[in-house]
């Protein structure tokens, strides 16, 4: 059911687990889907010995995509008009991510209704890995 301006209020939240126990296989699959074959996402030896990280970690855009999954589940397909994020911490294999959208404003503009959202995706330890904002068209 589409979101409605008359049913939303500032402070409302929607929360969703977007990945449970992220696997290395998912990282490799995302590399193939995105065309981003940077070895820091798929090659443990390279990542440790050359790049100096403790192991492979997720693509930032994978974290953004997973957050976007929650958004489209919440606001509906084809309703996002603006979406931007900041990557605040790395996402590691084994992480479970929960994405949350909080209503920051419900407004009308040129006869259309919109919801402005603040976003935060956290790992299983409650540490933010993605923050951002989004705007979506909503029903009256």
N, C-alpha and C. Protein backbone atom coordinates (compact mmCIF):
# COMPACT_ATOMS: atom_id res chain seq x y z
N UNK A 1 0.85 -1.18 0.00
CA UNK A 1 0.00 0.00 0.00
C UNK A 1 0.89 1.25 0.00
N UNK A 2 0.67 2.16 -0.94
CA UNK A 2 1.51 3.36 -1.03
C UNK A 2 1.41 4.23 0.23
N UNK A 3 2.49 4.93 0.52
CA UNK A 3 2.50 5.86 1.65
C UNK A 3 1.57 7.02 1.37
N UNK A 4 0.95 7.52 2.42
CA UNK A 4 -0.01 8.61 2.29
C UNK A 4 0.40 9.76 3.20
N UNK A 5 0.34 10.99 2.67
CA UNK A 5 0.70 12.18 3.44
C UNK A 5 -0.14 12.31 4.71
N UNK A 6 -1.40 11.95 4.63
CA UNK A 6 -2.27 12.12 5.81
C UNK A 6 -2.00 11.07 6.89
N UNK A 7 -1.27 9.99 6.55
CA UNK A 7 -0.99 8.95 7.54
C UNK A 7 0.43 9.02 8.10
N UNK A 8 1.28 9.88 7.52
CA UNK A 8 2.67 10.00 7.97
C UNK A 8 2.85 11.20 8.88
N UNK A 9 3.76 11.06 9.84
CA UNK A 9 4.12 12.22 10.66
C UNK A 9 5.62 12.21 10.91
N UNK A 10 6.16 13.38 11.16
CA UNK A 10 7.59 13.52 11.45
C UNK A 10 7.94 12.61 12.63
N UNK A 11 9.01 11.87 12.47
CA UNK A 11 9.46 10.95 13.51
C UNK A 11 9.09 9.50 13.26
N UNK A 12 8.12 9.25 12.37
CA UNK A 12 7.78 7.87 12.03
C UNK A 12 9.02 7.17 11.49
N UNK A 13 9.16 5.88 11.77
CA UNK A 13 10.32 5.12 11.28
C UNK A 13 9.89 3.84 10.60
N UNK A 14 10.72 3.40 9.70
CA UNK A 14 10.59 2.08 9.07
C UNK A 14 11.98 1.46 9.14
N UNK A 15 12.03 0.21 9.59
CA UNK A 15 13.32 -0.46 9.79
C UNK A 15 13.22 -1.85 9.17
N UNK A 16 14.36 -2.28 8.57
CA UNK A 16 14.37 -3.57 7.89
C UNK A 16 15.78 -4.15 7.89
N UNK A 17 15.91 -5.43 8.19
CA UNK A 17 17.19 -6.11 8.02
C UNK A 17 17.37 -6.34 6.53
N UNK A 18 18.45 -5.79 5.96
CA UNK A 18 18.64 -5.86 4.51
C UNK A 18 19.65 -6.93 4.10
N UNK A 19 20.47 -7.38 5.04
CA UNK A 19 21.33 -8.54 4.80
C UNK A 19 21.66 -9.15 6.15
N UNK A 20 21.58 -10.47 6.21
CA UNK A 20 21.88 -11.22 7.42
C UNK A 20 23.10 -12.08 7.13
N UNK A 21 24.21 -11.80 7.81
CA UNK A 21 25.45 -12.57 7.63
C UNK A 21 25.98 -12.47 6.19
N UNK A 22 26.39 -11.27 5.82
CA UNK A 22 26.94 -11.01 4.48
C UNK A 22 28.07 -11.99 4.18
N UNK A 23 28.03 -12.61 3.02
CA UNK A 23 29.04 -13.62 2.67
C UNK A 23 30.06 -13.07 1.67
N UNK A 24 31.20 -13.72 1.63
CA UNK A 24 32.22 -13.39 0.62
C UNK A 24 31.68 -13.67 -0.78
N UNK A 25 30.86 -14.70 -0.90
CA UNK A 25 30.25 -15.01 -2.20
C UNK A 25 29.40 -13.84 -2.67
N UNK A 26 28.66 -13.20 -1.77
CA UNK A 26 27.86 -12.04 -2.14
C UNK A 26 28.75 -10.89 -2.62
N UNK A 27 29.93 -10.73 -2.00
CA UNK A 27 30.86 -9.69 -2.45
C UNK A 27 31.33 -9.96 -3.87
N UNK A 28 31.67 -11.21 -4.15
CA UNK A 28 32.14 -11.58 -5.49
C UNK A 28 31.01 -11.43 -6.50
N UNK A 29 29.80 -11.83 -6.11
CA UNK A 29 28.65 -11.67 -7.01
C UNK A 29 28.40 -10.19 -7.32
N UNK A 30 28.53 -9.33 -6.30
CA UNK A 30 28.33 -7.91 -6.53
C UNK A 30 29.44 -7.36 -7.45
N UNK A 31 30.67 -7.82 -7.25
CA UNK A 31 31.76 -7.38 -8.14
C UNK A 31 31.41 -7.70 -9.59
N UNK A 32 30.89 -8.89 -9.83
CA UNK A 32 30.51 -9.27 -11.19
C UNK A 32 29.35 -8.45 -11.72
N UNK A 33 28.37 -8.21 -10.88
CA UNK A 33 27.18 -7.45 -11.31
C UNK A 33 27.52 -5.99 -11.58
N UNK A 34 28.42 -5.43 -10.77
CA UNK A 34 28.73 -4.00 -10.88
C UNK A 34 29.89 -3.71 -11.83
N UNK A 35 30.72 -4.72 -12.07
CA UNK A 35 31.92 -4.50 -12.87
C UNK A 35 33.07 -3.90 -12.07
N UNK A 36 32.90 -3.80 -10.76
CA UNK A 36 33.94 -3.25 -9.88
C UNK A 36 34.75 -4.42 -9.30
N UNK A 37 35.87 -4.71 -9.96
CA UNK A 37 36.70 -5.84 -9.57
C UNK A 37 37.89 -5.45 -8.71
N UNK A 38 37.80 -4.34 -7.99
CA UNK A 38 38.89 -3.94 -7.11
C UNK A 38 39.16 -5.10 -6.16
N UNK A 39 40.41 -5.58 -6.08
CA UNK A 39 40.71 -6.76 -5.27
C UNK A 39 40.49 -6.58 -3.77
N UNK A 40 40.34 -5.37 -3.29
CA UNK A 40 40.07 -5.20 -1.85
C UNK A 40 38.70 -5.76 -1.45
N UNK A 41 37.89 -6.08 -2.45
CA UNK A 41 36.56 -6.64 -2.17
C UNK A 41 36.50 -8.14 -2.38
N UNK A 42 37.55 -8.73 -2.99
CA UNK A 42 37.46 -10.15 -3.33
C UNK A 42 38.71 -10.96 -3.01
N UNK A 43 39.86 -10.33 -2.83
CA UNK A 43 41.12 -11.04 -2.66
C UNK A 43 41.69 -10.76 -1.27
N UNK A 44 41.51 -11.72 -0.37
CA UNK A 44 41.94 -11.54 1.02
C UNK A 44 43.45 -11.29 1.14
N UNK A 45 44.25 -12.07 0.43
CA UNK A 45 45.71 -11.92 0.51
C UNK A 45 46.13 -10.53 0.06
N UNK A 46 45.63 -10.08 -1.09
CA UNK A 46 45.95 -8.74 -1.59
C UNK A 46 45.51 -7.69 -0.57
N UNK A 47 44.31 -7.83 -0.06
CA UNK A 47 43.75 -6.83 0.85
C UNK A 47 44.59 -6.70 2.11
N UNK A 48 45.07 -7.83 2.63
CA UNK A 48 45.89 -7.80 3.85
C UNK A 48 47.31 -7.32 3.55
N UNK A 49 47.95 -7.89 2.55
CA UNK A 49 49.38 -7.64 2.33
C UNK A 49 49.68 -6.37 1.55
N UNK A 50 48.84 -5.99 0.64
CA UNK A 50 49.10 -4.81 -0.19
C UNK A 50 48.32 -3.59 0.33
N UNK A 51 47.04 -3.78 0.60
CA UNK A 51 46.21 -2.65 0.98
C UNK A 51 46.24 -2.35 2.48
N UNK A 52 46.68 -3.33 3.28
CA UNK A 52 46.82 -3.10 4.72
C UNK A 52 45.55 -3.19 5.54
N UNK A 53 44.51 -3.80 4.99
CA UNK A 53 43.27 -4.02 5.75
C UNK A 53 43.27 -5.44 6.32
N UNK A 54 42.45 -5.70 7.32
CA UNK A 54 42.43 -7.04 7.92
C UNK A 54 41.81 -8.12 7.02
N UNK A 55 41.11 -7.72 5.99
CA UNK A 55 40.49 -8.66 5.06
C UNK A 55 39.59 -7.92 4.10
N UNK A 56 38.96 -8.68 3.21
CA UNK A 56 38.08 -8.06 2.21
C UNK A 56 36.89 -7.40 2.89
N UNK A 57 36.34 -6.40 2.23
CA UNK A 57 35.15 -5.71 2.74
C UNK A 57 34.25 -5.34 1.57
N UNK A 58 33.01 -5.03 1.90
CA UNK A 58 31.99 -4.77 0.88
C UNK A 58 32.24 -3.48 0.12
N UNK A 59 31.79 -3.46 -1.12
CA UNK A 59 31.75 -2.24 -1.93
C UNK A 59 30.81 -1.24 -1.25
N UNK A 60 31.19 0.01 -1.25
CA UNK A 60 30.29 1.03 -0.71
C UNK A 60 28.95 1.03 -1.42
N UNK A 61 28.99 0.85 -2.73
CA UNK A 61 27.75 0.87 -3.50
C UNK A 61 26.86 -0.33 -3.18
N UNK A 62 27.43 -1.43 -2.71
CA UNK A 62 26.61 -2.56 -2.26
C UNK A 62 25.84 -2.15 -1.01
N UNK A 63 26.51 -1.46 -0.09
CA UNK A 63 25.84 -0.97 1.12
C UNK A 63 24.74 0.03 0.76
N UNK A 64 25.01 0.88 -0.22
CA UNK A 64 24.01 1.85 -0.67
C UNK A 64 22.82 1.12 -1.31
N UNK A 65 23.13 0.12 -2.12
CA UNK A 65 22.06 -0.65 -2.76
C UNK A 65 21.18 -1.38 -1.76
N UNK A 66 21.80 -1.94 -0.72
CA UNK A 66 21.03 -2.63 0.31
C UNK A 66 20.14 -1.65 1.07
N UNK A 67 20.66 -0.45 1.33
CA UNK A 67 19.85 0.59 1.96
C UNK A 67 18.70 0.99 1.03
N UNK A 68 18.99 1.08 -0.26
CA UNK A 68 17.97 1.39 -1.25
C UNK A 68 16.87 0.34 -1.32
N UNK A 69 17.24 -0.91 -1.07
CA UNK A 69 16.24 -1.99 -1.03
C UNK A 69 15.19 -1.69 0.04
N UNK A 70 15.64 -1.27 1.22
CA UNK A 70 14.71 -0.91 2.28
C UNK A 70 13.83 0.27 1.83
N UNK A 71 14.46 1.26 1.20
CA UNK A 71 13.71 2.45 0.76
C UNK A 71 12.59 2.11 -0.20
N UNK A 72 12.89 1.34 -1.23
CA UNK A 72 11.85 1.01 -2.21
C UNK A 72 10.80 0.09 -1.61
N UNK A 73 11.19 -0.76 -0.67
CA UNK A 73 10.19 -1.57 0.04
C UNK A 73 9.24 -0.66 0.83
N UNK A 74 9.77 0.42 1.37
CA UNK A 74 8.98 1.34 2.20
C UNK A 74 8.13 2.30 1.36
N UNK A 75 8.74 2.99 0.41
CA UNK A 75 8.02 4.04 -0.32
C UNK A 75 7.38 3.52 -1.60
N UNK A 76 7.82 2.38 -2.11
CA UNK A 76 7.28 1.83 -3.35
C UNK A 76 8.19 2.09 -4.54
N UNK A 77 8.08 1.24 -5.52
CA UNK A 77 8.88 1.37 -6.75
C UNK A 77 8.51 2.63 -7.51
N UNK A 78 9.51 3.27 -8.08
CA UNK A 78 9.28 4.43 -8.93
C UNK A 78 8.88 5.70 -8.20
N UNK A 79 9.02 5.75 -6.88
CA UNK A 79 8.59 6.92 -6.12
C UNK A 79 9.75 7.78 -5.61
N UNK A 80 10.95 7.22 -5.58
CA UNK A 80 12.10 8.01 -5.11
C UNK A 80 12.41 9.13 -6.09
N UNK A 81 12.60 10.34 -5.58
CA UNK A 81 12.99 11.46 -6.42
C UNK A 81 14.41 11.93 -6.09
N UNK A 82 14.91 11.53 -4.94
CA UNK A 82 16.25 11.94 -4.50
C UNK A 82 16.76 10.90 -3.51
N UNK A 83 18.05 10.55 -3.64
CA UNK A 83 18.64 9.55 -2.75
C UNK A 83 20.15 9.79 -2.72
N UNK A 84 20.67 10.04 -1.54
CA UNK A 84 22.11 10.24 -1.40
C UNK A 84 22.59 9.70 -0.07
N UNK A 85 23.80 9.17 -0.07
CA UNK A 85 24.34 8.58 1.16
C UNK A 85 25.79 8.98 1.37
N UNK A 86 26.22 8.70 2.58
CA UNK A 86 27.63 8.86 2.97
C UNK A 86 28.02 7.52 3.60
N UNK A 87 29.18 7.00 3.18
CA UNK A 87 29.68 5.74 3.74
C UNK A 87 30.49 6.08 4.99
N UNK A 88 30.05 5.61 6.15
CA UNK A 88 30.65 6.02 7.41
C UNK A 88 31.57 4.97 8.02
N UNK A 89 31.37 3.71 7.68
CA UNK A 89 32.24 2.63 8.17
C UNK A 89 32.20 1.48 7.17
N UNK A 90 33.22 0.65 7.23
CA UNK A 90 33.28 -0.48 6.31
C UNK A 90 32.30 -1.58 6.74
N UNK A 91 31.89 -2.34 5.75
CA UNK A 91 31.01 -3.49 5.95
C UNK A 91 31.83 -4.74 5.64
N UNK A 92 31.84 -5.67 6.59
CA UNK A 92 32.69 -6.85 6.52
C UNK A 92 31.87 -8.12 6.31
N UNK A 93 32.47 -9.14 5.71
CA UNK A 93 31.78 -10.44 5.65
C UNK A 93 31.34 -10.84 7.06
N UNK A 94 30.15 -11.38 7.15
CA UNK A 94 29.59 -11.75 8.44
C UNK A 94 28.69 -10.69 9.04
N UNK A 95 28.75 -9.47 8.53
CA UNK A 95 27.91 -8.40 9.07
C UNK A 95 26.43 -8.63 8.74
N UNK A 96 25.60 -8.20 9.66
CA UNK A 96 24.16 -8.13 9.45
C UNK A 96 23.80 -6.65 9.48
N UNK A 97 23.12 -6.20 8.43
CA UNK A 97 22.81 -4.78 8.30
C UNK A 97 21.31 -4.52 8.43
N UNK A 98 21.00 -3.51 9.23
CA UNK A 98 19.62 -3.06 9.41
C UNK A 98 19.54 -1.62 8.94
N UNK A 99 18.65 -1.37 7.98
CA UNK A 99 18.46 -0.03 7.44
C UNK A 99 17.20 0.59 8.05
N UNK A 100 17.29 1.88 8.35
CA UNK A 100 16.17 2.60 8.97
C UNK A 100 15.94 3.91 8.25
N UNK A 101 14.68 4.20 7.97
CA UNK A 101 14.26 5.49 7.41
C UNK A 101 13.41 6.18 8.46
N UNK A 102 13.69 7.47 8.69
CA UNK A 102 12.92 8.28 9.63
C UNK A 102 12.33 9.46 8.88
N UNK A 103 11.04 9.69 9.07
CA UNK A 103 10.36 10.80 8.40
C UNK A 103 10.86 12.11 9.00
N UNK A 104 11.47 12.93 8.15
CA UNK A 104 11.97 14.25 8.56
C UNK A 104 10.96 15.35 8.22
N UNK A 105 10.20 15.16 7.14
CA UNK A 105 9.19 16.15 6.74
C UNK A 105 8.18 15.49 5.80
N UNK A 106 6.96 15.97 5.87
CA UNK A 106 5.90 15.61 4.93
C UNK A 106 5.45 16.94 4.35
N UNK A 107 5.50 17.05 3.01
CA UNK A 107 5.25 18.37 2.42
C UNK A 107 4.57 18.25 1.06
N UNK A 108 4.05 19.38 0.61
CA UNK A 108 3.44 19.49 -0.71
C UNK A 108 4.23 20.50 -1.52
N UNK A 109 4.34 20.23 -2.81
CA UNK A 109 5.06 21.13 -3.72
C UNK A 109 4.42 21.02 -5.10
N UNK A 110 3.91 22.13 -5.61
CA UNK A 110 3.27 22.16 -6.93
C UNK A 110 2.18 21.09 -7.06
N UNK A 111 1.41 20.90 -6.01
CA UNK A 111 0.30 19.95 -6.05
C UNK A 111 0.68 18.49 -5.81
N UNK A 112 1.97 18.21 -5.65
CA UNK A 112 2.41 16.84 -5.37
C UNK A 112 2.81 16.74 -3.91
N UNK A 113 2.73 15.54 -3.37
CA UNK A 113 3.07 15.30 -1.97
C UNK A 113 4.38 14.52 -1.90
N UNK A 114 5.21 14.90 -0.90
CA UNK A 114 6.53 14.28 -0.75
C UNK A 114 6.80 13.97 0.72
N UNK A 115 7.65 12.98 0.93
CA UNK A 115 8.19 12.70 2.25
C UNK A 115 9.71 12.82 2.15
N UNK A 116 10.30 13.54 3.08
CA UNK A 116 11.76 13.63 3.20
C UNK A 116 12.17 12.69 4.33
N UNK A 117 13.18 11.89 4.07
CA UNK A 117 13.60 10.87 5.02
C UNK A 117 15.07 11.02 5.37
N UNK A 118 15.41 10.73 6.61
CA UNK A 118 16.81 10.55 6.98
C UNK A 118 17.04 9.05 7.08
N UNK A 119 18.25 8.64 6.71
CA UNK A 119 18.56 7.22 6.61
C UNK A 119 19.75 6.86 7.47
N UNK A 120 19.71 5.68 8.02
CA UNK A 120 20.87 5.15 8.72
C UNK A 120 20.84 3.63 8.62
N UNK A 121 21.93 3.08 8.16
CA UNK A 121 22.09 1.63 8.13
C UNK A 121 23.19 1.28 9.12
N UNK A 122 22.89 0.33 10.00
CA UNK A 122 23.83 -0.05 11.05
C UNK A 122 24.16 -1.53 10.95
N UNK A 123 25.33 -1.88 11.50
CA UNK A 123 25.70 -3.30 11.55
C UNK A 123 25.15 -3.92 12.84
N UNK A 124 25.48 -5.17 13.06
CA UNK A 124 24.96 -5.92 14.21
C UNK A 124 25.43 -5.34 15.54
N UNK A 125 26.46 -4.50 15.53
CA UNK A 125 26.95 -3.86 16.75
C UNK A 125 26.34 -2.48 16.97
N UNK A 126 25.43 -2.08 16.08
CA UNK A 126 24.80 -0.77 16.19
C UNK A 126 25.64 0.36 15.62
N UNK A 127 26.74 0.02 14.93
CA UNK A 127 27.62 1.03 14.34
C UNK A 127 27.09 1.43 12.96
N UNK A 128 26.93 2.74 12.74
CA UNK A 128 26.43 3.23 11.45
C UNK A 128 27.45 2.95 10.35
N UNK A 129 26.98 2.38 9.25
CA UNK A 129 27.85 2.12 8.10
C UNK A 129 27.45 2.99 6.90
N UNK A 130 26.20 3.43 6.88
CA UNK A 130 25.68 4.32 5.83
C UNK A 130 24.73 5.31 6.50
N UNK A 131 24.85 6.59 6.14
CA UNK A 131 23.87 7.59 6.54
C UNK A 131 23.46 8.34 5.28
N UNK A 132 22.30 8.95 5.30
CA UNK A 132 21.90 9.68 4.11
C UNK A 132 20.52 10.27 4.22
N UNK A 133 20.02 10.68 3.05
CA UNK A 133 18.70 11.27 2.95
C UNK A 133 18.03 10.78 1.67
N UNK A 134 16.72 10.87 1.66
CA UNK A 134 15.95 10.51 0.47
C UNK A 134 14.67 11.32 0.47
N UNK A 135 14.11 11.49 -0.71
CA UNK A 135 12.81 12.11 -0.90
C UNK A 135 12.01 11.22 -1.83
N UNK A 136 10.72 11.07 -1.51
CA UNK A 136 9.85 10.24 -2.35
C UNK A 136 8.50 10.91 -2.51
N UNK A 137 7.91 10.69 -3.70
CA UNK A 137 6.52 11.11 -3.94
C UNK A 137 5.62 10.18 -3.15
N UNK A 138 4.59 10.75 -2.56
CA UNK A 138 3.63 9.95 -1.81
C UNK A 138 2.21 10.36 -2.19
N UNK A 139 1.26 9.54 -1.83
CA UNK A 139 -0.14 9.85 -2.09
C UNK A 139 -0.62 10.94 -1.12
N UNK A 140 -1.70 11.63 -1.48
CA UNK A 140 -2.24 12.69 -0.59
C UNK A 140 -2.63 12.14 0.78
